[in-house]
Amino acid sequence: MKILLYHKNLCHAEQNILDRAAKKQHLLKKTIFWDIFLFLLTSIGGTLLFLFSPVLMRIPAICAFVPVRNSVWEVLKILFIPACFTGIFRYLWTGDLQKGILTTYAESTALTLGLFMTLHYLCMGILGKEYFKADMLIFYLCVIFLTVYLRSRADRQKKSSLSGFLFFVLMTGCFIYFTFNPPAIGLFQEINLLPQ
């Protein structure tokens, strides 16, 4: 009798493991569309924001969301704005299925912004100058990192998106405020990008 109960419990445990594995695979397949959307929107949107910023910064309603100076802080907008837009859109679209997706997006975005700053200053230290091509390469590497990191967290969502929402609101407020009131520190100072 004990052997039968043990066997029954073992079969039930194996079934739970198989069910969890199947759910994980289903979720990973389902979220590939969003990963592609994030990659395309961030890379294309960020590039367009960067290239058309001289025109877009003349429009008062949106100048806080495009790079208005060649500072590291302003260049971070080309990563943050598309990632924020994609995260909010995905939350509104799939919020019932992935309740903590906005928190995962916030975590991924914060890490990517940190990676961009680290690589930028590392590259500047090695090359001794600012180069447009180097910053654009760093930007695309960061977009790949953002997509891969988000993909790796697809099956480990938080239970709430509140902290992610608060992060995006706080960062958006910081970008708006510091666009018009940049502090006199290196992160906000104008840099000369040499297109070579």
C-alpha atoms as a PDB file:
ATOM      1  CA  MET A   1       0.000   0.000   0.000  1.00  0.00           C
ATOM      2  CA  LYS A   2       2.840   2.411   0.917  1.00  0.00           C
ATOM      3  CA  ILE A   3       4.559   1.600  -2.380  1.00  0.00           C
ATOM      4  CA  LEU A   4       1.397   2.430  -4.350  1.00  0.00           C
ATOM      5  CA  LEU A   5       0.944   5.756  -2.503  1.00  0.00           C
ATOM      6  CA  TYR A   6       4.611   6.605  -3.028  1.00  0.00           C
ATOM      7  CA  HIS A   7       4.322   5.778  -6.733  1.00  0.00           C
ATOM      8  CA  LYS A   8       1.120   7.841  -7.020  1.00  0.00           C
ATOM      9  CA  ASN A   9       2.740  10.854  -5.315  1.00  0.00           C
ATOM     10  CA  LEU A  10       5.817  10.486  -7.526  1.00  0.00           C
ATOM     11  CA  CYS A  11       3.650  10.414 -10.678  1.00  0.00           C
ATOM     12  CA  HIS A  12       1.765  13.507  -9.465  1.00  0.00           C
ATOM     13  CA  ALA A  13       5.070  15.358  -8.824  1.00  0.00           C
ATOM     14  CA  GLU A  14       6.374  14.386 -12.266  1.00  0.00           C
ATOM     15  CA  GLN A  15       3.139  15.618 -13.844  1.00  0.00           C
ATOM     16  CA  ASN A  16       3.499  18.968 -12.032  1.00  0.00           C
ATOM     17  CA  ILE A  17       7.050  19.325 -13.364  1.00  0.00           C
ATOM     18  CA  LEU A  18       5.877  18.519 -16.889  1.00  0.00           C
ATOM     19  CA  ASP A  19       2.984  20.985 -16.591  1.00  0.00           C
ATOM     20  CA  ARG A  20       5.314  23.756 -15.427  1.00  0.00           C
ATOM     21  CA  ALA A  21       7.755  23.002 -18.257  1.00  0.00           C
ATOM     22  CA  ALA A  22       4.904  23.090 -20.795  1.00  0.00           C
ATOM     23  CA  LYS A  23       3.642  26.422 -19.413  1.00  0.00           C
ATOM     24  CA  LYS A  24       7.149  27.846 -19.566  1.00  0.00           C
ATOM     25  CA  GLN A  25       7.585  26.774 -23.192  1.00  0.00           C
ATOM     26  CA  HIS A  26       4.159  28.172 -24.091  1.00  0.00           C
ATOM     27  CA  LEU A  27       4.973  31.514 -22.463  1.00  0.00           C
ATOM     28  CA  LEU A  28       8.365  31.744 -24.169  1.00  0.00           C
ATOM     29  CA  LYS A  29       6.790  31.030 -27.570  1.00  0.00           C
ATOM     30  CA  LYS A  30       4.014  33.526 -26.942  1.00  0.00           C
ATOM     31  CA  THR A  31       6.346  36.340 -25.896  1.00  0.00           C
ATOM     32  CA  ILE A  32       8.682  36.093 -28.900  1.00  0.00           C
ATOM     33  CA  PHE A  33       6.440  38.546 -30.786  1.00  0.00           C
ATOM     34  CA  TRP A  34       6.884  41.112 -28.014  1.00  0.00           C
ATOM     35  CA  ASP A  35      10.648  40.563 -27.961  1.00  0.00           C
ATOM     36  CA  ILE A  36      10.873  41.220 -31.703  1.00  0.00           C
ATOM     37  CA  PHE A  37       8.587  44.251 -31.308  1.00  0.00           C
ATOM     38  CA  LEU A  38      10.773  45.603 -28.479  1.00  0.00           C
ATOM     39  CA  PHE A  39      13.968  45.106 -30.500  1.00  0.00           C
ATOM     40  CA  LEU A  40      12.585  46.741 -33.649  1.00  0.00           C
ATOM     41  CA  LEU A  41      10.843  49.629 -31.888  1.00  0.00           C
ATOM     42  CA  THR A  42      13.820  50.430 -29.683  1.00  0.00           C
ATOM     43  CA  SER A  43      16.469  50.166 -32.394  1.00  0.00           C
ATOM     44  CA  ILE A  44      14.493  51.932 -35.134  1.00  0.00           C
ATOM     45  CA  GLY A  45      12.755  54.388 -32.804  1.00  0.00           C
ATOM     46  CA  GLY A  46      15.987  55.254 -31.001  1.00  0.00           C
ATOM     47  CA  THR A  47      17.836  55.784 -34.269  1.00  0.00           C
ATOM     48  CA  LEU A  48      15.064  58.040 -35.592  1.00  0.00           C
ATOM     49  CA  LEU A  49      14.964  59.989 -32.319  1.00  0.00           C
ATOM     50  CA  PHE A  50      18.713  60.524 -32.552  1.00  0.00           C
ATOM     51  CA  LEU A  51      18.787  61.458 -36.237  1.00  0.00           C
ATOM     52  CA  PHE A  52      15.742  63.738 -36.185  1.00  0.00           C
ATOM     53  CA  SER A  53      16.373  65.333 -32.793  1.00  0.00           C
ATOM     54  CA  PRO A  54      17.446  68.692 -34.363  1.00  0.00           C
ATOM     55  CA  VAL A  55      13.962  68.971 -35.907  1.00  0.00           C
ATOM     56  CA  LEU A  56      11.970  67.393 -33.055  1.00  0.00           C
ATOM     57  CA  MET A  57      13.575  69.499 -30.311  1.00  0.00           C
ATOM     58  CA  ARG A  58      11.997  72.616 -31.826  1.00  0.00           C
ATOM     59  CA  ILE A  59       8.532  71.276 -30.977  1.00  0.00           C
ATOM     60  CA  PRO A  60       7.859  72.346 -27.366  1.00  0.00           C
ATOM     61  CA  ALA A  61       5.456  69.483 -26.612  1.00  0.00           C
ATOM     62  CA  ILE A  62       8.003  66.756 -27.349  1.00  0.00           C
ATOM     63  CA  CYS A  63      11.413  68.399 -26.850  1.00  0.00           C
ATOM     64  CA  ALA A  64      11.703  66.815 -23.377  1.00  0.00           C
ATOM     65  CA  PHE A  65      11.593  63.351 -24.958  1.00  0.00           C
ATOM     66  CA  VAL A  66      14.329  63.766 -27.583  1.00  0.00           C
ATOM     67  CA  PRO A  67      18.035  64.504 -27.159  1.00  0.00           C
ATOM     68  CA  VAL A  68      18.362  68.304 -27.084  1.00  0.00           C
ATOM     69  CA  ARG A  69      22.111  68.289 -26.343  1.00  0.00           C
ATOM     70  CA  ASN A  70      24.968  65.897 -26.999  1.00  0.00           C
ATOM     71  CA  SER A  71      25.284  64.785 -23.389  1.00  0.00           C
ATOM     72  CA  VAL A  72      25.267  61.206 -22.122  1.00  0.00           C
ATOM     73  CA  TRP A  73      22.047  61.896 -20.182  1.00  0.00           C
ATOM     74  CA  GLU A  74      20.265  63.180 -23.289  1.00  0.00           C
ATOM     75  CA  VAL A  75      21.460  60.236 -25.396  1.00  0.00           C
ATOM     76  CA  LEU A  76      19.915  57.879 -22.809  1.00  0.00           C
ATOM     77  CA  LYS A  77      16.516  59.079 -24.054  1.00  0.00           C
ATOM     78  CA  ILE A  78      16.945  57.106 -27.273  1.00  0.00           C
ATOM     79  CA  LEU A  79      16.993  53.933 -25.152  1.00  0.00           C
ATOM     80  CA  PHE A  80      14.522  54.920 -22.458  1.00  0.00           C
ATOM     81  CA  ILE A  81      11.632  56.394 -24.468  1.00  0.00           C
ATOM     82  CA  PRO A  82      11.101  53.422 -26.864  1.00  0.00           C
ATOM     83  CA  ALA A  83      11.559  50.884 -24.024  1.00  0.00           C
ATOM     84  CA  CYS A  84       9.084  52.783 -21.831  1.00  0.00           C
ATOM     85  CA  PHE A  85       6.544  53.005 -24.657  1.00  0.00           C
ATOM     86  CA  THR A  86       6.884  49.300 -25.477  1.00  0.00           C
ATOM     87  CA  GLY A  87       6.617  48.287 -21.812  1.00  0.00           C
ATOM     88  CA  ILE A  88       3.450  50.304 -21.209  1.00  0.00           C
ATOM     89  CA  PHE A  89       1.894  49.095 -24.467  1.00  0.00           C
ATOM     90  CA  ARG A  90       2.695  45.478 -23.608  1.00  0.00           C
ATOM     91  CA  TYR A  91       1.306  45.880 -20.093  1.00  0.00           C
ATOM     92  CA  LEU A  92      -1.954  47.310 -21.455  1.00  0.00           C
ATOM     93  CA  TRP A  93      -2.172  44.522 -24.035  1.00  0.00           C
ATOM     94  CA  THR A  94      -1.177  41.510 -21.888  1.00  0.00           C
ATOM     95  CA  GLY A  95      -1.559  42.824 -18.343  1.00  0.00           C
ATOM     96  CA  ASP A  96      -3.945  40.038 -17.329  1.00  0.00           C
ATOM     97  CA  LEU A  97      -1.576  37.304 -18.487  1.00  0.00           C
ATOM     98  CA  GLN A  98       1.674  38.877 -17.308  1.00  0.00           C
ATOM     99  CA  LYS A  99       0.797  40.987 -14.293  1.00  0.00           C
ATOM    100  CA  GLY A 100       4.372  41.992 -13.443  1.00  0.00           C
ATOM    101  CA  ILE A 101       5.616  42.669 -16.960  1.00  0.00           C
ATOM    102  CA  LEU A 102       6.052  46.404 -16.376  1.00  0.00           C
ATOM    103  CA  THR A 103       8.316  45.718 -13.390  1.00  0.00           C
ATOM    104  CA  THR A 104      10.394  43.363 -15.539  1.00  0.00           C
ATOM    105  CA  TYR A 105      10.619  46.056 -18.242  1.00  0.00           C
ATOM    106  CA  ALA A 106      11.700  48.605 -15.627  1.00  0.00           C
ATOM    107  CA  GLU A 107      14.393  46.280 -14.284  1.00  0.00           C
ATOM    108  CA  SER A 108      15.654  45.567 -17.811  1.00  0.00           C
ATOM    109  CA  THR A 109      15.610  49.252 -18.765  1.00  0.00           C
ATOM    110  CA  ALA A 110      17.496  50.337 -15.631  1.00  0.00           C
ATOM    111  CA  LEU A 111      20.211  47.732 -16.258  1.00  0.00           C
ATOM    112  CA  THR A 112      20.462  48.740 -19.916  1.00  0.00           C
ATOM    113  CA  LEU A 113      20.799  52.440 -19.098  1.00  0.00           C
ATOM    114  CA  GLY A 114      23.589  51.570 -16.652  1.00  0.00           C
ATOM    115  CA  LEU A 115      25.261  49.377 -19.282  1.00  0.00           C
ATOM    116  CA  PHE A 116      25.114  52.178 -21.847  1.00  0.00           C
ATOM    117  CA  MET A 117      26.774  54.668 -19.494  1.00  0.00           C
ATOM    118  CA  THR A 118      29.434  52.132 -18.489  1.00  0.00           C
ATOM    119  CA  LEU A 119      30.291  51.213 -22.090  1.00  0.00           C
ATOM    120  CA  HIS A 120      30.247  54.851 -23.187  1.00  0.00           C
ATOM    121  CA  TYR A 121      32.727  55.977 -20.532  1.00  0.00           C
ATOM    122  CA  LEU A 122      34.859  52.854 -21.031  1.00  0.00           C
ATOM    123  CA  CYS A 123      35.000  53.463 -24.777  1.00  0.00           C
ATOM    124  CA  MET A 124      35.772  57.147 -24.230  1.00  0.00           C
ATOM    125  CA  GLY A 125      38.585  56.190 -21.851  1.00  0.00           C
ATOM    126  CA  ILE A 126      40.104  53.719 -24.322  1.00  0.00           C
ATOM    127  CA  LEU A 127      39.748  55.861 -27.457  1.00  0.00           C
ATOM    128  CA  GLY A 128      40.389  59.181 -25.716  1.00  0.00           C
ATOM    129  CA  LYS A 129      37.663  60.882 -27.788  1.00  0.00           C
ATOM    130  CA  GLU A 130      33.942  60.742 -28.454  1.00  0.00           C
ATOM    131  CA  TYR A 131      32.957  58.987 -31.672  1.00  0.00           C
ATOM    132  CA  PHE A 132      29.476  58.933 -33.200  1.00  0.00           C
ATOM    133  CA  LYS A 133      29.947  55.422 -34.616  1.00  0.00           C
ATOM    134  CA  ALA A 134      31.139  54.047 -31.277  1.00  0.00           C
ATOM    135  CA  ASP A 135      28.109  55.476 -29.448  1.00  0.00           C
ATOM    136  CA  MET A 136      25.730  54.070 -32.060  1.00  0.00           C
ATOM    137  CA  LEU A 137      27.397  50.644 -31.788  1.00  0.00           C
ATOM    138  CA  ILE A 138      27.025  50.810 -27.995  1.00  0.00           C
ATOM    139  CA  PHE A 139      23.372  51.773 -28.464  1.00  0.00           C
ATOM    140  CA  TYR A 140      22.655  48.697 -30.640  1.00  0.00           C
ATOM    141  CA  LEU A 141      24.553  46.417 -28.245  1.00  0.00           C
ATOM    142  CA  CYS A 142      22.414  47.775 -25.411  1.00  0.00           C
ATOM    143  CA  VAL A 143      19.211  47.144 -27.374  1.00  0.00           C
ATOM    144  CA  ILE A 144      20.312  43.534 -27.893  1.00  0.00           C
ATOM    145  CA  PHE A 145      21.106  43.249 -24.170  1.00  0.00           C
ATOM    146  CA  LEU A 146      17.689  44.713 -23.261  1.00  0.00           C
ATOM    147  CA  THR A 147      15.893  42.213 -25.488  1.00  0.00           C
ATOM    148  CA  VAL A 148      17.913  39.193 -24.334  1.00  0.00           C
ATOM    149  CA  TYR A 149      17.621  40.105 -20.651  1.00  0.00           C
ATOM    150  CA  LEU A 150      13.870  40.626 -20.933  1.00  0.00           C
ATOM    151  CA  ARG A 151      13.589  37.303 -22.749  1.00  0.00           C
ATOM    152  CA  SER A 152      15.512  35.534 -19.989  1.00  0.00           C
ATOM    153  CA  ARG A 153      13.065  36.921 -17.403  1.00  0.00           C
ATOM    154  CA  ALA A 154       9.907  36.015 -19.361  1.00  0.00           C
ATOM    155  CA  ASP A 155       8.993  33.090 -17.128  1.00  0.00           C
ATOM    156  CA  ARG A 156       9.913  34.800 -13.840  1.00  0.00           C
ATOM    157  CA  GLN A 157       7.514  37.727 -13.654  1.00  0.00           C
ATOM    158  CA  LYS A 158       6.896  39.694 -10.489  1.00  0.00           C
ATOM    159  CA  LYS A 159       3.369  39.670  -9.070  1.00  0.00           C
ATOM    160  CA  SER A 160       2.823  43.401  -9.493  1.00  0.00           C
ATOM    161  CA  SER A 161       3.676  46.090 -12.034  1.00  0.00           C
ATOM    162  CA  LEU A 162       3.403  48.930  -9.505  1.00  0.00           C
ATOM    163  CA  SER A 163       7.152  49.307  -8.911  1.00  0.00           C
ATOM    164  CA  GLY A 164       7.746  49.260 -12.683  1.00  0.00           C
ATOM    165  CA  PHE A 165       5.111  51.939 -13.188  1.00  0.00           C
ATOM    166  CA  LEU A 166       6.684  54.093 -10.466  1.00  0.00           C
ATOM    167  CA  PHE A 167      10.135  53.647 -12.041  1.00  0.00           C
ATOM    168  CA  PHE A 168       8.920  54.799 -15.458  1.00  0.00           C
ATOM    169  CA  VAL A 169       7.053  57.786 -13.966  1.00  0.00           C
ATOM    170  CA  LEU A 170      10.104  58.813 -11.906  1.00  0.00           C
ATOM    171  CA  MET A 171      12.526  58.450 -14.829  1.00  0.00           C
ATOM    172  CA  THR A 172      10.199  60.327 -17.192  1.00  0.00           C
ATOM    173  CA  GLY A 173       9.977  63.131 -14.623  1.00  0.00           C
ATOM    174  CA  CYS A 174      13.780  63.184 -14.342  1.00  0.00           C
ATOM    175  CA  PHE A 175      14.207  63.361 -18.111  1.00  0.00           C
ATOM    176  CA  ILE A 176      11.701  66.222 -18.358  1.00  0.00           C
ATOM    177  CA  TYR A 177      13.200  68.166 -15.436  1.00  0.00           C
ATOM    178  CA  PHE A 178      16.859  67.716 -16.410  1.00  0.00           C
ATOM    179  CA  THR A 179      16.165  68.621 -20.041  1.00  0.00           C
ATOM    180  CA  PHE A 180      15.400  72.158 -18.907  1.00  0.00           C
ATOM    181  CA  ASN A 181      17.588  72.260 -15.755  1.00  0.00           C
ATOM    182  CA  PRO A 182      20.767  70.234 -16.396  1.00  0.00           C
ATOM    183  CA  PRO A 183      23.146  70.112 -13.411  1.00  0.00           C
ATOM    184  CA  ALA A 184      26.772  71.173 -13.947  1.00  0.00           C
ATOM    185  CA  ILE A 185      28.218  67.650 -13.787  1.00  0.00           C
ATOM    186  CA  GLY A 186      29.811  65.459 -16.463  1.00  0.00           C
ATOM    187  CA  LEU A 187      26.757  63.288 -17.154  1.00  0.00           C
ATOM    188  CA  PHE A 188      24.782  66.340 -18.309  1.00  0.00           C
ATOM    189  CA  GLN A 189      27.565  68.267 -20.045  1.00  0.00           C
ATOM    190  CA  GLU A 190      27.802  68.699 -23.797  1.00  0.00           C
ATOM    191  CA  ILE A 191      30.165  66.326 -25.583  1.00  0.00           C
ATOM    192  CA  ASN A 192      31.589  66.598 -29.069  1.00  0.00           C
ATOM    193  CA  LEU A 193      30.874  63.478 -31.100  1.00  0.00           C
ATOM    194  CA  LEU A 194      33.326  63.050 -33.941  1.00  0.00           C
ATOM    195  CA  PRO A 195      31.692  61.239 -36.888  1.00  0.00           C
ATOM    196  CA  GLN A 196      34.734  59.185 -37.973  1.00  0.00           C
END
